[in-house]
Amino acid sequence: MNASNVIAVAFGGAIGSVARYLVGVGSTKLLGFGFPWGTLLINITGSCLLGIIVAVFAIRWNPSQAVQLFLTVGICGGYTTFSTFSLDSQVLMQRGDLWSAAAYIAASVVLSIGALFAGMHLARTVL
């Protein structure tokens, strides 16, 4: 285990977690509490960002392992919220809102994967 890699993940995770918090609070203020819009937005944008980063690594930039971990595991891992997605899904189901739960699960999976591909395509097109 490399100490600089652990530190890189820790710092990136702090940045990603703060960004997740701010996006979650902002989206709740804008869109309300009735649907987990913040988590959905975070998962979609986080997937797109990860797609961009991975494509940039593949096409143009080969940074150190610590930088790669900082950006992917750290920032993107701290920012995305799959565990919160799971909890939000359970809450919607538990309160009997099965249509919203199904829509949320489907939208999260399909749009997040689509955003990853879109981010990779964007990076490849620009670079």
N, C-alpha and C. Protein backbone atom coordinates (compact mmCIF):
# COMPACT_ATOMS: atom_id res chain seq x y z
N MET A 1 0.85 -1.18 0.00
CA MET A 1 0.00 0.00 0.00
C MET A 1 0.89 1.24 0.00
N ASN A 2 0.55 2.16 -0.86
CA ASN A 2 1.34 3.38 -1.04
C ASN A 2 0.65 4.53 -0.29
N ALA A 3 1.38 5.17 0.61
CA ALA A 3 0.79 6.25 1.42
C ALA A 3 0.31 7.41 0.57
N SER A 4 1.03 7.75 -0.49
CA SER A 4 0.59 8.87 -1.33
C SER A 4 -0.73 8.55 -2.05
N ASN A 5 -0.95 7.29 -2.40
CA ASN A 5 -2.22 6.90 -3.00
C ASN A 5 -3.37 7.04 -2.00
N VAL A 6 -3.13 6.63 -0.78
CA VAL A 6 -4.17 6.74 0.27
C VAL A 6 -4.50 8.21 0.53
N ILE A 7 -3.49 9.04 0.60
CA ILE A 7 -3.69 10.48 0.82
C ILE A 7 -4.44 11.09 -0.36
N ALA A 8 -4.09 10.68 -1.58
CA ALA A 8 -4.77 11.19 -2.77
C ALA A 8 -6.25 10.84 -2.74
N VAL A 9 -6.57 9.61 -2.39
CA VAL A 9 -7.97 9.19 -2.30
C VAL A 9 -8.69 9.97 -1.20
N ALA A 10 -8.04 10.16 -0.08
CA ALA A 10 -8.65 10.88 1.04
C ALA A 10 -8.98 12.33 0.66
N PHE A 11 -8.03 13.02 0.05
CA PHE A 11 -8.28 14.41 -0.36
C PHE A 11 -9.35 14.49 -1.44
N GLY A 12 -9.27 13.60 -2.41
CA GLY A 12 -10.29 13.58 -3.45
C GLY A 12 -11.66 13.26 -2.89
N GLY A 13 -11.70 12.32 -1.96
CA GLY A 13 -12.97 11.96 -1.33
C GLY A 13 -13.59 13.12 -0.57
N ALA A 14 -12.75 13.91 0.09
CA ALA A 14 -13.25 15.09 0.80
C ALA A 14 -13.87 16.08 -0.17
N ILE A 15 -13.20 16.31 -1.29
CA ILE A 15 -13.73 17.25 -2.29
C ILE A 15 -15.03 16.71 -2.87
N GLY A 16 -15.05 15.44 -3.24
CA GLY A 16 -16.25 14.84 -3.81
C GLY A 16 -17.42 14.84 -2.84
N SER A 17 -17.15 14.57 -1.58
CA SER A 17 -18.22 14.54 -0.58
C SER A 17 -18.82 15.92 -0.35
N VAL A 18 -17.99 16.93 -0.31
CA VAL A 18 -18.49 18.30 -0.15
C VAL A 18 -19.32 18.70 -1.37
N ALA A 19 -18.84 18.34 -2.55
CA ALA A 19 -19.59 18.65 -3.77
C ALA A 19 -20.95 17.93 -3.75
N ARG A 20 -20.95 16.68 -3.32
CA ARG A 20 -22.21 15.91 -3.23
C ARG A 20 -23.17 16.60 -2.27
N TYR A 21 -22.68 17.02 -1.14
CA TYR A 21 -23.52 17.70 -0.16
C TYR A 21 -24.13 18.97 -0.75
N LEU A 22 -23.29 19.78 -1.40
CA LEU A 22 -23.77 21.05 -1.95
C LEU A 22 -24.79 20.84 -3.08
N VAL A 23 -24.54 19.87 -3.94
CA VAL A 23 -25.49 19.58 -5.02
C VAL A 23 -26.79 19.05 -4.42
N GLY A 24 -26.69 18.19 -3.42
CA GLY A 24 -27.89 17.65 -2.78
C GLY A 24 -28.74 18.73 -2.12
N VAL A 25 -28.10 19.62 -1.39
CA VAL A 25 -28.82 20.70 -0.72
C VAL A 25 -29.43 21.64 -1.76
N GLY A 26 -28.66 21.99 -2.76
CA GLY A 26 -29.15 22.90 -3.80
C GLY A 26 -30.32 22.33 -4.57
N SER A 27 -30.24 21.07 -4.94
CA SER A 27 -31.34 20.47 -5.70
C SER A 27 -32.59 20.31 -4.84
N THR A 28 -32.42 20.04 -3.56
CA THR A 28 -33.58 19.94 -2.68
C THR A 28 -34.26 21.30 -2.54
N LYS A 29 -33.48 22.36 -2.44
CA LYS A 29 -34.06 23.71 -2.37
C LYS A 29 -34.82 24.04 -3.65
N LEU A 30 -34.27 23.63 -4.79
CA LEU A 30 -34.90 23.94 -6.07
C LEU A 30 -36.08 23.04 -6.39
N LEU A 31 -35.98 21.75 -6.06
CA LEU A 31 -36.95 20.77 -6.54
C LEU A 31 -37.79 20.12 -5.45
N GLY A 32 -37.45 20.34 -4.19
CA GLY A 32 -38.24 19.80 -3.09
C GLY A 32 -37.81 18.42 -2.64
N PHE A 33 -38.54 17.90 -1.63
CA PHE A 33 -38.21 16.64 -0.96
C PHE A 33 -38.95 15.43 -1.51
N GLY A 34 -39.95 15.62 -2.36
CA GLY A 34 -40.84 14.52 -2.75
C GLY A 34 -40.18 13.41 -3.54
N PHE A 35 -39.10 13.69 -4.22
CA PHE A 35 -38.41 12.72 -5.06
C PHE A 35 -36.92 12.95 -4.87
N PRO A 36 -36.11 11.91 -4.87
CA PRO A 36 -34.66 12.08 -4.64
C PRO A 36 -33.92 12.65 -5.85
N TRP A 37 -34.29 13.87 -6.25
CA TRP A 37 -33.68 14.52 -7.40
C TRP A 37 -32.19 14.73 -7.22
N GLY A 38 -31.78 15.09 -6.02
CA GLY A 38 -30.36 15.35 -5.77
C GLY A 38 -29.51 14.11 -6.02
N THR A 39 -29.93 12.98 -5.49
CA THR A 39 -29.17 11.75 -5.68
C THR A 39 -29.14 11.37 -7.15
N LEU A 40 -30.27 11.50 -7.83
CA LEU A 40 -30.33 11.19 -9.26
C LEU A 40 -29.36 12.09 -10.04
N LEU A 41 -29.41 13.38 -9.77
CA LEU A 41 -28.52 14.33 -10.45
C LEU A 41 -27.05 14.02 -10.16
N ILE A 42 -26.76 13.71 -8.92
CA ILE A 42 -25.39 13.40 -8.53
C ILE A 42 -24.89 12.14 -9.24
N ASN A 43 -25.72 11.11 -9.29
CA ASN A 43 -25.29 9.88 -9.95
C ASN A 43 -25.09 10.08 -11.44
N ILE A 44 -25.96 10.85 -12.08
CA ILE A 44 -25.82 11.09 -13.51
C ILE A 44 -24.58 11.93 -13.80
N THR A 45 -24.43 13.05 -13.09
CA THR A 45 -23.28 13.92 -13.35
C THR A 45 -21.96 13.25 -12.94
N GLY A 46 -22.01 12.48 -11.86
CA GLY A 46 -20.80 11.76 -11.44
C GLY A 46 -20.39 10.71 -12.46
N SER A 47 -21.36 10.02 -13.05
CA SER A 47 -21.05 9.04 -14.08
C SER A 47 -20.48 9.71 -15.32
N CYS A 48 -21.05 10.85 -15.69
CA CYS A 48 -20.53 11.60 -16.84
C CYS A 48 -19.09 12.06 -16.56
N LEU A 49 -18.85 12.60 -15.38
CA LEU A 49 -17.51 13.05 -15.02
C LEU A 49 -16.52 11.90 -15.05
N LEU A 50 -16.91 10.75 -14.53
CA LEU A 50 -16.02 9.59 -14.55
C LEU A 50 -15.74 9.17 -15.99
N GLY A 51 -16.75 9.22 -16.84
CA GLY A 51 -16.54 8.90 -18.25
C GLY A 51 -15.55 9.83 -18.91
N ILE A 52 -15.66 11.11 -18.63
CA ILE A 52 -14.73 12.09 -19.18
C ILE A 52 -13.31 11.81 -18.69
N ILE A 53 -13.18 11.59 -17.40
CA ILE A 53 -11.85 11.36 -16.82
C ILE A 53 -11.20 10.11 -17.40
N VAL A 54 -11.95 9.03 -17.48
CA VAL A 54 -11.40 7.77 -18.00
C VAL A 54 -11.00 7.92 -19.46
N ALA A 55 -11.83 8.62 -20.24
CA ALA A 55 -11.50 8.83 -21.66
C ALA A 55 -10.25 9.70 -21.80
N VAL A 56 -10.13 10.73 -20.98
CA VAL A 56 -8.95 11.58 -21.03
C VAL A 56 -7.70 10.76 -20.69
N PHE A 57 -7.80 9.89 -19.71
CA PHE A 57 -6.66 9.02 -19.38
C PHE A 57 -6.30 8.13 -20.57
N ALA A 58 -7.31 7.60 -21.24
CA ALA A 58 -7.06 6.67 -22.35
C ALA A 58 -6.51 7.37 -23.59
N ILE A 59 -6.94 8.62 -23.82
CA ILE A 59 -6.61 9.30 -25.07
C ILE A 59 -5.40 10.20 -24.97
N ARG A 60 -5.34 10.97 -23.91
CA ARG A 60 -4.38 12.07 -23.92
C ARG A 60 -3.44 12.14 -22.73
N TRP A 61 -3.85 11.70 -21.57
CA TRP A 61 -3.09 12.01 -20.36
C TRP A 61 -2.87 10.74 -19.55
N ASN A 62 -1.65 10.49 -19.18
CA ASN A 62 -1.32 9.32 -18.37
C ASN A 62 -0.67 9.79 -17.07
N PRO A 63 -1.48 10.32 -16.14
CA PRO A 63 -0.90 10.84 -14.90
C PRO A 63 -0.46 9.71 -13.98
N SER A 64 0.16 10.09 -12.91
CA SER A 64 0.60 9.11 -11.91
C SER A 64 -0.62 8.37 -11.35
N GLN A 65 -0.35 7.24 -10.74
CA GLN A 65 -1.42 6.47 -10.13
C GLN A 65 -2.12 7.28 -9.03
N ALA A 66 -1.37 8.07 -8.29
CA ALA A 66 -1.98 8.89 -7.23
C ALA A 66 -2.97 9.89 -7.81
N VAL A 67 -2.64 10.51 -8.93
CA VAL A 67 -3.54 11.47 -9.57
C VAL A 67 -4.77 10.74 -10.11
N GLN A 68 -4.56 9.59 -10.72
CA GLN A 68 -5.69 8.81 -11.21
C GLN A 68 -6.64 8.45 -10.07
N LEU A 69 -6.09 7.99 -8.96
CA LEU A 69 -6.91 7.62 -7.80
C LEU A 69 -7.60 8.83 -7.19
N PHE A 70 -6.89 9.96 -7.13
CA PHE A 70 -7.47 11.20 -6.62
C PHE A 70 -8.74 11.55 -7.39
N LEU A 71 -8.66 11.48 -8.71
CA LEU A 71 -9.79 11.89 -9.55
C LEU A 71 -10.92 10.85 -9.59
N THR A 72 -10.57 9.57 -9.68
CA THR A 72 -11.60 8.53 -9.87
C THR A 72 -12.16 8.03 -8.53
N VAL A 73 -11.33 7.37 -7.76
CA VAL A 73 -11.79 6.81 -6.48
C VAL A 73 -12.09 7.93 -5.49
N GLY A 74 -11.24 8.95 -5.47
CA GLY A 74 -11.41 10.04 -4.53
C GLY A 74 -12.58 10.94 -4.87
N ILE A 75 -12.41 11.80 -5.88
CA ILE A 75 -13.46 12.78 -6.19
C ILE A 75 -14.75 12.11 -6.65
N CYS A 76 -14.65 11.25 -7.68
CA CYS A 76 -15.88 10.63 -8.19
C CYS A 76 -16.50 9.68 -7.17
N GLY A 77 -15.67 8.94 -6.46
CA GLY A 77 -16.19 8.03 -5.43
C GLY A 77 -16.83 8.78 -4.27
N GLY A 78 -16.25 9.91 -3.89
CA GLY A 78 -16.83 10.72 -2.82
C GLY A 78 -18.10 11.44 -3.27
N TYR A 79 -18.16 11.75 -4.56
CA TYR A 79 -19.29 12.50 -5.09
C TYR A 79 -20.51 11.63 -5.39
N THR A 80 -20.31 10.49 -5.99
CA THR A 80 -21.45 9.66 -6.36
C THR A 80 -22.01 8.98 -5.12
N THR A 81 -23.25 8.58 -5.24
CA THR A 81 -23.98 8.20 -4.03
C THR A 81 -24.80 6.92 -4.23
N PHE A 82 -24.17 5.88 -4.71
CA PHE A 82 -24.96 4.68 -4.98
C PHE A 82 -25.60 4.11 -3.72
N SER A 83 -24.91 4.20 -2.60
CA SER A 83 -25.53 3.69 -1.36
C SER A 83 -26.74 4.53 -0.99
N THR A 84 -26.67 5.81 -1.21
CA THR A 84 -27.84 6.66 -0.96
C THR A 84 -28.94 6.36 -1.96
N PHE A 85 -28.58 6.07 -3.19
CA PHE A 85 -29.55 5.64 -4.20
C PHE A 85 -30.32 4.42 -3.71
N SER A 86 -29.61 3.46 -3.15
CA SER A 86 -30.26 2.25 -2.65
C SER A 86 -31.24 2.58 -1.52
N LEU A 87 -30.82 3.44 -0.61
CA LEU A 87 -31.68 3.83 0.50
C LEU A 87 -32.89 4.61 0.00
N ASP A 88 -32.68 5.54 -0.93
CA ASP A 88 -33.81 6.30 -1.49
C ASP A 88 -34.82 5.37 -2.15
N SER A 89 -34.32 4.37 -2.86
CA SER A 89 -35.21 3.40 -3.52
C SER A 89 -36.04 2.65 -2.49
N GLN A 90 -35.40 2.23 -1.43
CA GLN A 90 -36.10 1.50 -0.37
C GLN A 90 -37.15 2.37 0.30
N VAL A 91 -36.83 3.63 0.54
CA VAL A 91 -37.79 4.55 1.17
C VAL A 91 -39.01 4.74 0.29
N LEU A 92 -38.80 4.94 -1.01
CA LEU A 92 -39.93 5.09 -1.92
C LEU A 92 -40.81 3.83 -1.92
N MET A 93 -40.17 2.67 -1.93
CA MET A 93 -40.94 1.41 -1.90
C MET A 93 -41.65 1.23 -0.58
N GLN A 94 -40.98 1.53 0.52
CA GLN A 94 -41.56 1.33 1.84
C GLN A 94 -42.79 2.21 2.05
N ARG A 95 -42.77 3.41 1.48
CA ARG A 95 -43.94 4.27 1.64
C ARG A 95 -45.02 3.97 0.60
N GLY A 96 -44.80 2.91 -0.20
CA GLY A 96 -45.82 2.45 -1.14
C GLY A 96 -45.83 3.17 -2.47
N ASP A 97 -44.84 3.98 -2.74
CA ASP A 97 -44.78 4.72 -3.99
C ASP A 97 -43.97 3.91 -5.00
N LEU A 98 -44.55 2.78 -5.44
CA LEU A 98 -43.83 1.83 -6.28
C LEU A 98 -43.53 2.38 -7.67
N TRP A 99 -44.43 3.19 -8.22
CA TRP A 99 -44.19 3.77 -9.54
C TRP A 99 -43.00 4.74 -9.48
N SER A 100 -42.97 5.57 -8.47
CA SER A 100 -41.83 6.49 -8.33
C SER A 100 -40.54 5.71 -8.10
N ALA A 101 -40.62 4.66 -7.29
CA ALA A 101 -39.43 3.84 -7.02
C ALA A 101 -38.92 3.22 -8.32
N ALA A 102 -39.81 2.65 -9.10
CA ALA A 102 -39.41 2.02 -10.36
C ALA A 102 -38.84 3.05 -11.33
N ALA A 103 -39.48 4.21 -11.42
CA ALA A 103 -39.00 5.26 -12.31
C ALA A 103 -37.62 5.75 -11.86
N TYR A 104 -37.47 5.90 -10.56
CA TYR A 104 -36.20 6.37 -10.01
C TYR A 104 -35.08 5.36 -10.28
N ILE A 105 -35.35 4.10 -10.04
CA ILE A 105 -34.34 3.06 -10.26
C ILE A 105 -33.97 2.99 -11.74
N ALA A 106 -34.97 2.96 -12.60
CA ALA A 106 -34.71 2.88 -14.04
C ALA A 106 -33.96 4.11 -14.54
N ALA A 107 -34.41 5.29 -14.12
CA ALA A 107 -33.77 6.52 -14.56
C ALA A 107 -32.33 6.59 -14.05
N SER A 108 -32.10 6.20 -12.82
CA SER A 108 -30.75 6.24 -12.26
C SER A 108 -29.80 5.34 -13.03
N VAL A 109 -30.24 4.13 -13.30
CA VAL A 109 -29.36 3.18 -13.98
C VAL A 109 -29.15 3.59 -15.44
N VAL A 110 -30.24 3.81 -16.16
CA VAL A 110 -30.14 4.10 -17.59
C VAL A 110 -29.44 5.44 -17.83
N LEU A 111 -29.84 6.47 -17.12
CA LEU A 111 -29.24 7.79 -17.35
C LEU A 111 -27.79 7.88 -16.87
N SER A 112 -27.46 7.19 -15.79
CA SER A 112 -26.08 7.22 -15.31
C SER A 112 -25.15 6.49 -16.28
N ILE A 113 -25.58 5.35 -16.79
CA ILE A 113 -24.76 4.64 -17.77
C ILE A 113 -24.68 5.46 -19.06
N GLY A 114 -25.79 6.03 -19.47
CA GLY A 114 -25.79 6.89 -20.64
C GLY A 114 -24.87 8.09 -20.47
N ALA A 115 -24.87 8.66 -19.28
CA ALA A 115 -24.01 9.81 -19.00
C ALA A 115 -22.54 9.42 -19.03
N LEU A 116 -22.21 8.23 -18.58
CA LEU A 116 -20.83 7.76 -18.65
C LEU A 116 -20.39 7.69 -20.11
N PHE A 117 -21.21 7.08 -20.96
CA PHE A 117 -20.87 7.00 -22.39
C PHE A 117 -20.81 8.40 -23.02
N ALA A 118 -21.74 9.27 -22.63
CA ALA A 118 -21.74 10.63 -23.16
C ALA A 118 -20.47 11.37 -22.76
N GLY A 119 -20.05 11.21 -21.53
CA GLY A 119 -18.81 11.84 -21.07
C GLY A 119 -17.60 11.33 -21.83
N MET A 120 -17.55 10.03 -22.05
CA MET A 120 -16.44 9.46 -22.82
C MET A 120 -16.45 9.98 -24.27
N HIS A 121 -17.63 10.04 -24.87
CA HIS A 121 -17.76 10.54 -26.23
C HIS A 121 -17.37 12.02 -26.29
N LEU A 122 -17.83 12.79 -25.33
CA LEU A 122 -17.48 14.21 -25.29
C LEU A 122 -15.98 14.41 -25.22
N ALA A 123 -15.34 13.68 -24.32
CA ALA A 123 -13.89 13.80 -24.17
C ALA A 123 -13.16 13.38 -25.45
N ARG A 124 -13.63 12.31 -26.08
CA ARG A 124 -12.99 11.84 -27.31
C ARG A 124 -13.20 12.84 -28.45
N THR A 125 -14.36 13.47 -28.49
CA THR A 125 -14.65 14.44 -29.54
C THR A 125 -13.81 15.69 -29.37
N VAL A 126 -13.72 16.18 -28.15
CA VAL A 126 -12.97 17.41 -27.88
C VAL A 126 -11.47 17.19 -28.00
N LEU A 127 -11.02 16.03 -27.59
CA LEU A 127 -9.58 15.75 -27.65
C LEU A 127 -9.21 15.19 -28.99
